[in-house]
Amino acid sequence: MNIKKSIPNIVTCCNLLSGCIACVMALEGNLSMATLWIIIAAVFDFCDGLTARLLKCYSSMGKELDSLGDVVSFGVAPGFMLFSLLQKTCTYMTEDPTGGSYIPYIAFVIPVFSGLRLAKFNIDSRQTTSFIGLPVPAHALFWASLSCAMLPFVSIHPTAFVIGFSLLAIVTSLLLVSGIPMFSLKIHSLQWKGNECRYILLICGVVFIAFFHVLGITGTMLLYILLSIFNKGK
C-alpha cells in the first residue's frame, strides 16, 4: 500500500467523519456544535485538495470520495440543521410538542440540490479554476451559521421565521445549480492583482466574524456571492 497516495484520501475521510458528527449534533439540537463540525469539515475539504496538489497524488477514487464526503458534510448536515431549526420553530406555532408539521422537511431541499451540484461539478470540465453555481461548502457555511445564530430568536415571530427560512432554503439551493460564475478561493500567487476579490473577502470576513461572531460567517458568504456576481466569477 502506497501511504503517500493514501494521505489525501485520509484527509477526505476526516471531512466525511466531521460531517457525520455534525449530522448527529444537528439531530440532537446542538446547532453550535454542528456548526463547528461543519467548519472543521470545510478545513479538511480545503486541505485534501491542497495535499493532493503538494504530493501530486490524484486519483479517480479521490475525486469520487471527495464528492461523497461533501454531500454529507455540506449537504446532509446543514439540511439536518435547518430541519432541527424549523421543527423547533414550528413548536411555537402548534400545541403539538413535536412540531406536528411537514414544513421542516423543506430543509431537505439542501442535500438534494447539493447532490445535484456535486454531480454537475464532477462532469463539468469548465470548473477547473472557478465555479459555476454556488459551491456546496459556501452554501453549507451560510446555513450552518445562520441556523446557529437565529436559534435563540425563532420564538419571537415563528410564522415569519418558518416562511422566511423555507423560501430562503429554496432560493439558495437553486443558486447551487445556477449558471452564475463564482470565483475560487485558491490563491496561486500572493499578488494583489488577480486576487482582489479573494483578499477583500478575507479581510471583510475577519471583520465580520470579529464583530458579529457566528453570524459574521453568514455575512461573509453573502459577500462572496455578491463579489462573484459583480466580477463575473473572476
C-alpha atoms as a PDB file:
ATOM      1  CA  MET A   1       0.000   0.000   0.000  1.00  0.00           C
ATOM      2  CA  ASN A   2       1.383   3.410  -1.009  1.00  0.00           C
ATOM      3  CA  ILE A   3       0.982   5.571   2.116  1.00  0.00           C
ATOM      4  CA  LYS A   4       1.810   8.764   0.234  1.00  0.00           C
ATOM      5  CA  LYS A   5      -1.029   8.253  -2.242  1.00  0.00           C
ATOM      6  CA  SER A   6      -3.445   7.498   0.602  1.00  0.00           C
ATOM      7  CA  ILE A   7      -2.846  10.728   2.539  1.00  0.00           C
ATOM      8  CA  PRO A   8      -5.287  12.923   0.525  1.00  0.00           C
ATOM      9  CA  ASN A   9      -7.986  10.234   0.868  1.00  0.00           C
ATOM     10  CA  ILE A  10      -7.385  10.028   4.618  1.00  0.00           C
ATOM     11  CA  VAL A  11      -7.899  13.791   4.862  1.00  0.00           C
ATOM     12  CA  THR A  12     -11.103  13.436   2.808  1.00  0.00           C
ATOM     13  CA  CYS A  13     -12.302  10.721   5.187  1.00  0.00           C
ATOM     14  CA  CYS A  14     -11.739  13.170   8.056  1.00  0.00           C
ATOM     15  CA  ASN A  15     -14.054  15.557   6.183  1.00  0.00           C
ATOM     16  CA  LEU A  16     -16.670  12.797   5.941  1.00  0.00           C
ATOM     17  CA  LEU A  17     -16.265  11.883   9.615  1.00  0.00           C
ATOM     18  CA  SER A  18     -16.673  15.534  10.640  1.00  0.00           C
ATOM     19  CA  GLY A  19     -19.832  15.736   8.542  1.00  0.00           C
ATOM     20  CA  CYS A  20     -21.267  12.650  10.247  1.00  0.00           C
ATOM     21  CA  ILE A  21     -20.620  14.171  13.667  1.00  0.00           C
ATOM     22  CA  ALA A  22     -22.238  17.417  12.505  1.00  0.00           C
ATOM     23  CA  CYS A  23     -25.340  15.432  11.475  1.00  0.00           C
ATOM     24  CA  VAL A  24     -25.591  13.869  14.942  1.00  0.00           C
ATOM     25  CA  MET A  25     -25.149  17.244  16.643  1.00  0.00           C
ATOM     26  CA  ALA A  26     -27.842  18.767  14.422  1.00  0.00           C
ATOM     27  CA  LEU A  27     -30.351  15.997  15.167  1.00  0.00           C
ATOM     28  CA  GLU A  28     -29.670  16.447  18.883  1.00  0.00           C
ATOM     29  CA  GLY A  29     -30.475  20.153  18.504  1.00  0.00           C
ATOM     30  CA  ASN A  30     -26.928  21.243  19.320  1.00  0.00           C
ATOM     31  CA  LEU A  31     -26.584  23.658  16.418  1.00  0.00           C
ATOM     32  CA  SER A  32     -23.483  25.410  17.738  1.00  0.00           C
ATOM     33  CA  MET A  33     -21.516  22.154  17.778  1.00  0.00           C
ATOM     34  CA  ALA A  34     -22.977  21.165  14.404  1.00  0.00           C
ATOM     35  CA  THR A  35     -21.701  24.462  13.001  1.00  0.00           C
ATOM     36  CA  LEU A  36     -18.261  23.851  14.493  1.00  0.00           C
ATOM     37  CA  TRP A  37     -18.027  20.395  12.899  1.00  0.00           C
ATOM     38  CA  ILE A  38     -19.122  21.733   9.513  1.00  0.00           C
ATOM     39  CA  ILE A  39     -16.349  24.337   9.777  1.00  0.00           C
ATOM     40  CA  ILE A  40     -13.886  21.563  10.645  1.00  0.00           C
ATOM     41  CA  ALA A  41     -15.151  19.579   7.643  1.00  0.00           C
ATOM     42  CA  ALA A  42     -14.574  22.641   5.434  1.00  0.00           C
ATOM     43  CA  VAL A  43     -10.974  22.853   6.669  1.00  0.00           C
ATOM     44  CA  PHE A  44     -10.399  19.184   5.806  1.00  0.00           C
ATOM     45  CA  ASP A  45     -12.098  19.734   2.432  1.00  0.00           C
ATOM     46  CA  PHE A  46      -9.649  22.537   1.655  1.00  0.00           C
ATOM     47  CA  CYS A  47      -6.686  20.520   2.894  1.00  0.00           C
ATOM     48  CA  ASP A  48      -7.387  17.349   0.913  1.00  0.00           C
ATOM     49  CA  GLY A  49      -7.110  19.187  -2.406  1.00  0.00           C
ATOM     50  CA  LEU A  50      -4.042  21.070  -1.185  1.00  0.00           C
ATOM     51  CA  THR A  51      -2.454  17.825  -0.017  1.00  0.00           C
ATOM     52  CA  ALA A  52      -3.177  16.129  -3.348  1.00  0.00           C
ATOM     53  CA  ARG A  53      -1.535  19.012  -5.243  1.00  0.00           C
ATOM     54  CA  LEU A  54       1.529  19.130  -2.991  1.00  0.00           C
ATOM     55  CA  LEU A  55       2.068  15.364  -3.138  1.00  0.00           C
ATOM     56  CA  LYS A  56       0.970  15.160  -6.777  1.00  0.00           C
ATOM     57  CA  CYS A  57      -1.379  12.341  -5.834  1.00  0.00           C
ATOM     58  CA  TYR A  58      -4.518  12.499  -7.937  1.00  0.00           C
ATOM     59  CA  SER A  59      -6.947   9.636  -8.431  1.00  0.00           C
ATOM     60  CA  SER A  60     -10.455   8.962  -9.701  1.00  0.00           C
ATOM     61  CA  MET A  61     -11.237   7.370  -6.355  1.00  0.00           C
ATOM     62  CA  GLY A  62     -10.171  10.524  -4.540  1.00  0.00           C
ATOM     63  CA  LYS A  63     -12.464  12.624  -6.711  1.00  0.00           C
ATOM     64  CA  GLU A  64     -15.462  10.401  -6.022  1.00  0.00           C
ATOM     65  CA  LEU A  65     -14.661  10.132  -2.309  1.00  0.00           C
ATOM     66  CA  ASP A  66     -14.428  13.911  -2.095  1.00  0.00           C
ATOM     67  CA  SER A  67     -17.921  14.281  -3.533  1.00  0.00           C
ATOM     68  CA  LEU A  68     -19.335  11.663  -1.171  1.00  0.00           C
ATOM     69  CA  GLY A  69     -17.767  13.456   1.792  1.00  0.00           C
ATOM     70  CA  ASP A  70     -19.044  16.811   0.597  1.00  0.00           C
ATOM     71  CA  VAL A  71     -22.634  15.662   0.139  1.00  0.00           C
ATOM     72  CA  VAL A  72     -22.678  14.534   3.784  1.00  0.00           C
ATOM     73  CA  SER A  73     -20.750  17.419   5.344  1.00  0.00           C
ATOM     74  CA  PHE A  74     -22.146  20.221   3.201  1.00  0.00           C
ATOM     75  CA  GLY A  75     -25.478  18.783   2.098  1.00  0.00           C
ATOM     76  CA  VAL A  76     -26.976  16.444   4.667  1.00  0.00           C
ATOM     77  CA  ALA A  77     -25.508  18.157   7.766  1.00  0.00           C
ATOM     78  CA  PRO A  78     -26.816  21.693   7.028  1.00  0.00           C
ATOM     79  CA  GLY A  79     -30.084  20.106   5.896  1.00  0.00           C
ATOM     80  CA  PHE A  80     -30.423  18.442   9.298  1.00  0.00           C
ATOM     81  CA  MET A  81     -29.567  21.746  10.982  1.00  0.00           C
ATOM     82  CA  LEU A  82     -32.326  23.585   9.148  1.00  0.00           C
ATOM     83  CA  PHE A  83     -34.718  20.671   9.785  1.00  0.00           C
ATOM     84  CA  SER A  84     -33.977  20.897  13.520  1.00  0.00           C
ATOM     85  CA  LEU A  85     -34.404  24.673  13.465  1.00  0.00           C
ATOM     86  CA  LEU A  86     -37.710  24.554  11.562  1.00  0.00           C
ATOM     87  CA  GLN A  87     -39.011  21.770  13.782  1.00  0.00           C
ATOM     88  CA  LYS A  88     -38.257  23.811  16.885  1.00  0.00           C
ATOM     89  CA  THR A  89     -39.800  26.910  15.327  1.00  0.00           C
ATOM     90  CA  CYS A  90     -42.966  25.007  14.444  1.00  0.00           C
ATOM     91  CA  THR A  91     -43.453  24.032  18.096  1.00  0.00           C
ATOM     92  CA  TYR A  92     -44.212  27.699  18.774  1.00  0.00           C
ATOM     93  CA  MET A  93     -46.974  27.569  16.151  1.00  0.00           C
ATOM     94  CA  THR A  94     -48.792  24.461  17.423  1.00  0.00           C
ATOM     95  CA  GLU A  95     -49.653  22.704  20.661  1.00  0.00           C
ATOM     96  CA  ASP A  96     -48.011  19.522  19.380  1.00  0.00           C
ATOM     97  CA  PRO A  97     -44.547  19.350  21.041  1.00  0.00           C
ATOM     98  CA  THR A  98     -43.105  17.538  18.022  1.00  0.00           C
ATOM     99  CA  GLY A  99     -43.904  20.451  15.756  1.00  0.00           C
ATOM    100  CA  GLY A 100     -46.722  18.430  14.169  1.00  0.00           C
ATOM    101  CA  SER A 101     -45.976  19.666  10.684  1.00  0.00           C
ATOM    102  CA  TYR A 102     -44.451  18.568   7.415  1.00  0.00           C
ATOM    103  CA  ILE A 103     -42.928  22.034   6.992  1.00  0.00           C
ATOM    104  CA  PRO A 104     -39.493  21.119   8.453  1.00  0.00           C
ATOM    105  CA  TYR A 105     -38.969  18.593   5.639  1.00  0.00           C
ATOM    106  CA  ILE A 106     -38.486  21.511   3.249  1.00  0.00           C
ATOM    107  CA  ALA A 107     -34.971  21.595   4.737  1.00  0.00           C
ATOM    108  CA  PHE A 108     -34.025  18.551   2.691  1.00  0.00           C
ATOM    109  CA  VAL A 109     -34.035  20.661  -0.440  1.00  0.00           C
ATOM    110  CA  ILE A 110     -30.481  21.492   0.695  1.00  0.00           C
ATOM    111  CA  PRO A 111     -28.981  17.960   0.474  1.00  0.00           C
ATOM    112  CA  VAL A 112     -30.940  17.199  -2.714  1.00  0.00           C
ATOM    113  CA  PHE A 113     -29.626  20.240  -4.599  1.00  0.00           C
ATOM    114  CA  SER A 114     -26.168  19.826  -3.051  1.00  0.00           C
ATOM    115  CA  GLY A 115     -26.053  16.342  -4.566  1.00  0.00           C
ATOM    116  CA  LEU A 116     -27.103  17.731  -7.934  1.00  0.00           C
ATOM    117  CA  ARG A 117     -24.454  20.457  -7.680  1.00  0.00           C
ATOM    118  CA  LEU A 118     -21.685  17.967  -6.908  1.00  0.00           C
ATOM    119  CA  ALA A 119     -22.761  15.633  -9.719  1.00  0.00           C
ATOM    120  CA  LYS A 120     -22.690  18.541 -12.188  1.00  0.00           C
ATOM    121  CA  PHE A 121     -19.270  19.621 -10.922  1.00  0.00           C
ATOM    122  CA  ASN A 122     -17.761  16.167 -11.494  1.00  0.00           C
ATOM    123  CA  ILE A 123     -18.691  16.100 -15.175  1.00  0.00           C
ATOM    124  CA  ASP A 124     -18.157  19.796 -15.993  1.00  0.00           C
ATOM    125  CA  SER A 125     -14.656  20.468 -17.358  1.00  0.00           C
ATOM    126  CA  ARG A 126     -15.247  24.237 -17.215  1.00  0.00           C
ATOM    127  CA  GLN A 127     -14.956  24.322 -13.418  1.00  0.00           C
ATOM    128  CA  THR A 128     -11.239  23.759 -13.008  1.00  0.00           C
ATOM    129  CA  THR A 129     -10.182  27.273 -11.926  1.00  0.00           C
ATOM    130  CA  SER A 130     -13.569  28.757 -10.989  1.00  0.00           C
ATOM    131  CA  PHE A 131     -17.099  27.583 -10.240  1.00  0.00           C
ATOM    132  CA  ILE A 132     -20.445  27.736 -11.990  1.00  0.00           C
ATOM    133  CA  GLY A 133     -23.103  27.945  -9.337  1.00  0.00           C
ATOM    134  CA  LEU A 134     -22.648  28.357  -5.590  1.00  0.00           C
ATOM    135  CA  PRO A 135     -20.122  25.841  -4.169  1.00  0.00           C
ATOM    136  CA  VAL A 136     -21.618  23.468  -1.592  1.00  0.00           C
ATOM    137  CA  PRO A 137     -19.128  24.338   1.218  1.00  0.00           C
ATOM    138  CA  ALA A 138     -20.055  28.036   0.972  1.00  0.00           C
ATOM    139  CA  HIS A 139     -23.757  27.135   0.965  1.00  0.00           C
ATOM    140  CA  ALA A 140     -23.289  24.874   3.988  1.00  0.00           C
ATOM    141  CA  LEU A 141     -21.372  27.514   5.960  1.00  0.00           C
ATOM    142  CA  PHE A 142     -24.111  30.044   5.163  1.00  0.00           C
ATOM    143  CA  TRP A 143     -26.871  27.799   6.510  1.00  0.00           C
ATOM    144  CA  ALA A 144     -24.910  26.456   9.461  1.00  0.00           C
ATOM    145  CA  SER A 145     -24.011  29.909  10.757  1.00  0.00           C
ATOM    146  CA  LEU A 146     -27.458  31.369  10.034  1.00  0.00           C
ATOM    147  CA  SER A 147     -29.270  28.489  11.757  1.00  0.00           C
ATOM    148  CA  CYS A 148     -26.985  28.687  14.783  1.00  0.00           C
ATOM    149  CA  ALA A 149     -27.293  32.479  15.083  1.00  0.00           C
ATOM    150  CA  MET A 150     -31.078  32.594  14.637  1.00  0.00           C
ATOM    151  CA  LEU A 151     -31.985  29.740  17.003  1.00  0.00           C
ATOM    152  CA  PRO A 152     -32.461  31.992  20.092  1.00  0.00           C
ATOM    153  CA  PHE A 153     -34.862  34.289  18.196  1.00  0.00           C
ATOM    154  CA  VAL A 154     -37.269  31.878  16.473  1.00  0.00           C
ATOM    155  CA  SER A 155     -39.858  32.155  19.250  1.00  0.00           C
ATOM    156  CA  ILE A 156     -40.353  35.888  18.599  1.00  0.00           C
ATOM    157  CA  HIS A 157     -42.103  35.587  15.223  1.00  0.00           C
ATOM    158  CA  PRO A 158     -42.222  31.844  14.492  1.00  0.00           C
ATOM    159  CA  THR A 159     -44.542  32.057  11.484  1.00  0.00           C
ATOM    160  CA  ALA A 160     -42.370  34.696   9.805  1.00  0.00           C
ATOM    161  CA  PHE A 161     -39.242  32.644  10.528  1.00  0.00           C
ATOM    162  CA  VAL A 162     -40.738  29.445   9.095  1.00  0.00           C
ATOM    163  CA  ILE A 163     -41.888  31.153   5.897  1.00  0.00           C
ATOM    164  CA  GLY A 164     -38.650  33.124   5.535  1.00  0.00           C
ATOM    165  CA  PHE A 165     -36.333  30.163   6.134  1.00  0.00           C
ATOM    166  CA  SER A 166     -38.344  27.876   3.836  1.00  0.00           C
ATOM    167  CA  LEU A 167     -38.275  30.345   0.949  1.00  0.00           C
ATOM    168  CA  LEU A 168     -34.620  31.182   1.531  1.00  0.00           C
ATOM    169  CA  ALA A 169     -33.695  27.479   1.510  1.00  0.00           C
ATOM    170  CA  ILE A 170     -35.317  27.097  -1.904  1.00  0.00           C
ATOM    171  CA  VAL A 171     -33.639  30.228  -3.310  1.00  0.00           C
ATOM    172  CA  THR A 172     -30.133  29.394  -2.081  1.00  0.00           C
ATOM    173  CA  SER A 173     -30.482  25.770  -3.194  1.00  0.00           C
ATOM    174  CA  LEU A 174     -31.340  26.963  -6.691  1.00  0.00           C
ATOM    175  CA  LEU A 175     -28.137  29.028  -6.617  1.00  0.00           C
ATOM    176  CA  LEU A 176     -26.229  25.753  -6.281  1.00  0.00           C
ATOM    177  CA  VAL A 177     -27.318  24.626  -9.749  1.00  0.00           C
ATOM    178  CA  SER A 178     -27.484  28.080 -11.317  1.00  0.00           C
ATOM    179  CA  GLY A 179     -25.253  29.306 -14.141  1.00  0.00           C
ATOM    180  CA  ILE A 180     -23.801  32.142 -12.052  1.00  0.00           C
ATOM    181  CA  PRO A 181     -19.962  32.140 -12.178  1.00  0.00           C
ATOM    182  CA  MET A 182     -18.262  32.078  -8.765  1.00  0.00           C
ATOM    183  CA  PHE A 183     -14.575  32.654  -8.117  1.00  0.00           C
ATOM    184  CA  SER A 184     -12.432  30.019  -6.456  1.00  0.00           C
ATOM    185  CA  LEU A 185     -10.654  30.742  -3.172  1.00  0.00           C
ATOM    186  CA  LYS A 186      -7.462  29.061  -4.399  1.00  0.00           C
ATOM    187  CA  ILE A 187      -4.622  31.602  -4.441  1.00  0.00           C
ATOM    188  CA  HIS A 188      -1.831  30.808  -6.920  1.00  0.00           C
ATOM    189  CA  SER A 189       0.210  33.902  -6.003  1.00  0.00           C
ATOM    190  CA  LEU A 190       0.266  36.467  -3.184  1.00  0.00           C
ATOM    191  CA  GLN A 191      -0.037  39.443  -5.543  1.00  0.00           C
ATOM    192  CA  TRP A 192      -2.978  41.801  -5.141  1.00  0.00           C
ATOM    193  CA  LYS A 193      -3.650  41.881  -8.878  1.00  0.00           C
ATOM    194  CA  GLY A 194      -5.784  38.959  -9.868  1.00  0.00           C
ATOM    195  CA  ASN A 195      -6.665  38.203  -6.239  1.00  0.00           C
ATOM    196  CA  GLU A 196      -8.590  41.365  -5.389  1.00  0.00           C
ATOM    197  CA  CYS A 197     -11.866  39.573  -4.621  1.00  0.00           C
ATOM    198  CA  ARG A 198     -10.130  36.937  -2.508  1.00  0.00           C
ATOM    199  CA  TYR A 199      -8.312  39.480  -0.366  1.00  0.00           C
ATOM    200  CA  ILE A 200     -11.411  41.658   0.035  1.00  0.00           C
ATOM    201  CA  LEU A 201     -13.407  38.588   1.096  1.00  0.00           C
ATOM    202  CA  LEU A 202     -10.706  37.518   3.549  1.00  0.00           C
ATOM    203  CA  ILE A 203     -10.358  40.955   5.163  1.00  0.00           C
ATOM    204  CA  CYS A 204     -14.115  41.546   5.373  1.00  0.00           C
ATOM    205  CA  GLY A 205     -14.643  38.013   6.677  1.00  0.00           C
ATOM    206  CA  VAL A 206     -12.257  38.619   9.582  1.00  0.00           C
ATOM    207  CA  VAL A 207     -14.001  41.913  10.395  1.00  0.00           C
ATOM    208  CA  PHE A 208     -17.488  40.395  10.123  1.00  0.00           C
ATOM    209  CA  ILE A 209     -16.649  37.480  12.398  1.00  0.00           C
ATOM    210  CA  ALA A 210     -14.882  39.751  14.915  1.00  0.00           C
ATOM    211  CA  PHE A 211     -17.965  41.979  15.230  1.00  0.00           C
ATOM    212  CA  PHE A 212     -20.851  39.596  14.582  1.00  0.00           C
ATOM    213  CA  HIS A 213     -19.319  36.259  15.636  1.00  0.00           C
ATOM    214  CA  VAL A 214     -21.046  33.252  14.041  1.00  0.00           C
ATOM    215  CA  LEU A 215     -23.417  35.486  12.071  1.00  0.00           C
ATOM    216  CA  GLY A 216     -20.317  37.021  10.501  1.00  0.00           C
ATOM    217  CA  ILE A 217     -19.834  33.771   8.581  1.00  0.00           C
ATOM    218  CA  THR A 218     -23.280  34.271   7.045  1.00  0.00           C
ATOM    219  CA  GLY A 219     -22.320  37.805   6.039  1.00  0.00           C
ATOM    220  CA  THR A 220     -19.037  36.581   4.564  1.00  0.00           C
ATOM    221  CA  MET A 221     -20.855  34.022   2.398  1.00  0.00           C
ATOM    222  CA  LEU A 222     -23.305  36.684   1.194  1.00  0.00           C
ATOM    223  CA  LEU A 223     -20.362  38.932   0.311  1.00  0.00           C
ATOM    224  CA  TYR A 224     -18.791  36.030  -1.601  1.00  0.00           C
ATOM    225  CA  ILE A 225     -21.942  35.694  -3.704  1.00  0.00           C
ATOM    226  CA  LEU A 226     -22.112  39.450  -4.367  1.00  0.00           C
ATOM    227  CA  LEU A 227     -18.421  39.724  -5.275  1.00  0.00           C
ATOM    228  CA  SER A 228     -18.748  36.770  -7.638  1.00  0.00           C
ATOM    229  CA  ILE A 229     -21.770  38.269  -9.386  1.00  0.00           C
ATOM    230  CA  PHE A 230     -20.172  41.723  -9.604  1.00  0.00           C
ATOM    231  CA  ASN A 231     -16.887  40.381 -11.008  1.00  0.00           C
ATOM    232  CA  LYS A 232     -18.492  37.537 -13.008  1.00  0.00           C
ATOM    233  CA  GLY A 233     -16.578  34.886 -11.070  1.00  0.00           C
ATOM    234  CA  LYS A 234     -13.116  36.229 -11.882  1.00  0.00           C
END
